[in-house]
């Protein structure tokens, strides 16, 4: 057994995806590194969880194509809801159908970052930490990145 650095200790994260395998992989990786992970299988449920945990969430990862409310609509709902937008919760886009220009379109819409499926288990957490270095308190994250 090897020792996994718990660089996400005390972080609460929401993962929204309609693919059970994707949720399972992301949850495993995030939890291995210390995060508490909430999950939703569609945008409607995800929006409810964002509202419920808004003051504790460190970030949200949402698939772009889902039933009920997709990731694009979820982002618009969060950005237009002043009770949520005040918290500046970073929302990361996730898609299996990435095409040229999708990353730029997602960032222009307000997503903090853009991930593609399948998730790379070896780089997933370090990729997220690199993103958060740009938008959060840098020192603890740089130290955390060095340990991943």
Protein backbone atom coordinates (compact mmCIF):
# COMPACT_ATOMS: atom_id res chain seq x y z
CA UNK A 1 0.00 0.00 0.00
CA UNK A 2 1.28 3.49 -0.73
CA UNK A 3 0.67 6.76 1.07
CA UNK A 4 -1.54 9.22 -0.84
CA UNK A 5 -1.12 12.85 0.23
CA UNK A 6 -4.39 14.21 1.64
CA UNK A 7 -4.01 17.57 -0.10
CA UNK A 8 -7.77 18.11 -0.28
CA UNK A 9 -8.39 17.55 3.43
CA UNK A 10 -11.46 19.50 4.61
CA UNK A 11 -12.49 20.36 1.04
CA UNK A 12 -16.13 19.75 0.12
CA UNK A 13 -16.65 19.07 -3.57
CA UNK A 14 -19.68 18.39 -5.75
CA UNK A 15 -19.41 16.10 -8.78
CA UNK A 16 -22.35 16.14 -11.21
CA UNK A 17 -22.43 13.53 -13.95
CA UNK A 18 -24.97 11.11 -15.36
CA UNK A 19 -22.32 8.41 -15.91
CA UNK A 20 -21.91 6.23 -12.83
CA UNK A 21 -18.37 5.16 -13.76
CA UNK A 22 -17.17 8.75 -14.12
CA UNK A 23 -18.65 9.70 -10.75
CA UNK A 24 -17.08 6.64 -9.11
CA UNK A 25 -13.61 7.41 -10.48
CA UNK A 26 -13.69 11.10 -9.57
CA UNK A 27 -15.07 10.36 -6.10
CA UNK A 28 -12.39 7.76 -5.45
CA UNK A 29 -9.58 10.10 -6.54
CA UNK A 30 -10.92 13.11 -4.64
CA UNK A 31 -11.66 11.10 -1.48
CA UNK A 32 -8.23 9.43 -1.59
CA UNK A 33 -6.79 12.93 -1.34
CA UNK A 34 -9.03 13.87 1.59
CA UNK A 35 -12.05 15.59 0.02
CA UNK A 36 -15.65 15.09 1.08
CA UNK A 37 -17.57 14.50 -2.14
CA UNK A 38 -21.24 15.05 -2.85
CA UNK A 39 -22.66 13.62 -6.07
CA UNK A 40 -25.58 14.27 -8.36
CA UNK A 41 -26.66 12.41 -11.50
CA UNK A 42 -28.24 15.41 -13.23
CA UNK A 43 -28.09 19.18 -13.20
CA UNK A 44 -31.36 19.63 -11.36
CA UNK A 45 -30.13 17.57 -8.41
CA UNK A 46 -26.74 19.28 -8.68
CA UNK A 47 -28.29 22.74 -8.46
CA UNK A 48 -30.19 21.68 -5.34
CA UNK A 49 -26.93 20.46 -3.74
CA UNK A 50 -25.11 23.67 -4.69
CA UNK A 51 -27.83 25.67 -2.96
CA UNK A 52 -27.75 23.37 0.06
CA UNK A 53 -23.94 23.40 0.49
CA UNK A 54 -23.04 26.75 -1.08
CA UNK A 55 -21.04 28.06 1.86
CA UNK A 56 -18.94 24.88 2.17
CA UNK A 57 -18.24 23.94 -1.46
CA UNK A 58 -14.67 24.45 -2.61
CA UNK A 59 -15.59 23.66 -6.24
CA UNK A 60 -18.05 21.86 -8.53
CA UNK A 61 -17.31 19.57 -11.47
CA UNK A 62 -20.22 19.21 -13.87
CA UNK A 63 -20.72 17.23 -17.04
CA UNK A 64 -21.96 19.44 -19.86
CA UNK A 65 -24.44 16.96 -21.32
CA UNK A 66 -26.93 15.59 -18.79
CA UNK A 67 -30.66 15.06 -18.42
CA UNK A 68 -33.01 17.63 -16.88
CA UNK A 69 -30.52 20.54 -16.59
CA UNK A 70 -27.25 20.30 -18.52
CA UNK A 71 -23.96 21.81 -17.34
CA UNK A 72 -24.42 24.96 -19.43
CA UNK A 73 -27.81 25.70 -17.88
CA UNK A 74 -26.52 24.85 -14.42
CA UNK A 75 -23.76 27.44 -14.82
CA UNK A 76 -26.27 30.07 -16.00
CA UNK A 77 -28.54 29.31 -13.02
CA UNK A 78 -25.67 29.64 -10.54
CA UNK A 79 -24.39 32.86 -12.12
CA UNK A 80 -27.84 34.45 -12.15
CA UNK A 81 -28.74 33.47 -8.58
CA UNK A 82 -27.32 36.18 -6.31
CA UNK A 83 -27.56 33.89 -3.29
CA UNK A 84 -25.08 31.58 -5.06
CA UNK A 85 -22.96 33.97 -7.11
CA UNK A 86 -21.79 35.71 -3.93
CA UNK A 87 -19.87 32.58 -2.98
CA UNK A 88 -17.81 32.49 -6.21
CA UNK A 89 -17.80 28.70 -6.31
CA UNK A 90 -15.49 27.58 -9.12
CA UNK A 91 -17.33 25.38 -11.60
CA UNK A 92 -15.34 23.02 -13.80
CA UNK A 93 -16.80 21.78 -17.09
CA UNK A 94 -16.49 18.09 -17.96
CA UNK A 95 -17.29 16.47 -21.31
CA UNK A 96 -16.63 13.35 -23.34
CA UNK A 97 -17.43 15.13 -26.60
CA UNK A 98 -14.72 17.79 -26.75
CA UNK A 99 -14.38 19.52 -30.09
CA UNK A 100 -12.09 22.29 -31.26
CA UNK A 101 -13.13 25.52 -29.57
CA UNK A 102 -15.14 23.88 -26.76
CA UNK A 103 -12.57 24.76 -24.10
CA UNK A 104 -12.57 28.42 -25.12
CA UNK A 105 -16.38 28.48 -25.30
CA UNK A 106 -16.67 26.97 -21.81
CA UNK A 107 -14.22 29.44 -20.26
CA UNK A 108 -15.92 32.35 -22.04
CA UNK A 109 -19.26 31.19 -20.59
CA UNK A 110 -17.84 31.32 -17.05
CA UNK A 111 -16.46 27.87 -16.31
CA UNK A 112 -13.15 28.01 -14.43
CA UNK A 113 -11.67 25.03 -16.21
CA UNK A 114 -12.45 22.36 -18.79
CA UNK A 115 -11.79 18.63 -18.33
CA UNK A 116 -12.31 15.91 -20.90
CA UNK A 117 -13.36 12.33 -20.38
CA UNK A 118 -12.02 9.84 -19.85
CA UNK A 119 -10.50 11.22 -16.65
CA UNK A 120 -6.76 10.60 -16.36
CA UNK A 121 -6.46 9.04 -12.90
CA UNK A 122 -2.75 9.86 -12.72
CA UNK A 123 -3.12 13.60 -13.31
CA UNK A 124 -6.69 14.44 -12.25
CA UNK A 125 -5.95 15.87 -8.79
CA UNK A 126 -2.73 17.65 -9.82
CA UNK A 127 -4.57 19.21 -12.80
CA UNK A 128 -7.23 20.54 -10.43
CA UNK A 129 -4.62 21.87 -8.00
CA UNK A 130 -2.86 23.71 -10.85
CA UNK A 131 -6.17 25.36 -11.71
CA UNK A 132 -6.81 26.41 -8.14
CA UNK A 133 -3.34 27.93 -7.81
CA UNK A 134 -4.62 30.56 -10.23
CA UNK A 135 -7.82 31.33 -8.33
CA UNK A 136 -7.18 30.64 -4.64
CA UNK A 137 -4.64 31.18 -1.86
CA UNK A 138 -1.49 30.03 -3.61
CA UNK A 139 1.02 28.93 -0.96
CA UNK A 140 -0.80 25.91 0.51
CA UNK A 141 -1.73 24.72 -2.99
CA UNK A 142 1.83 24.91 -4.31
CA UNK A 143 2.98 22.87 -1.32
CA UNK A 144 0.14 20.40 -1.95
CA UNK A 145 1.00 20.09 -5.64
CA UNK A 146 4.58 19.22 -4.76
CA UNK A 147 3.32 16.27 -2.71
CA UNK A 148 1.00 14.79 -5.38
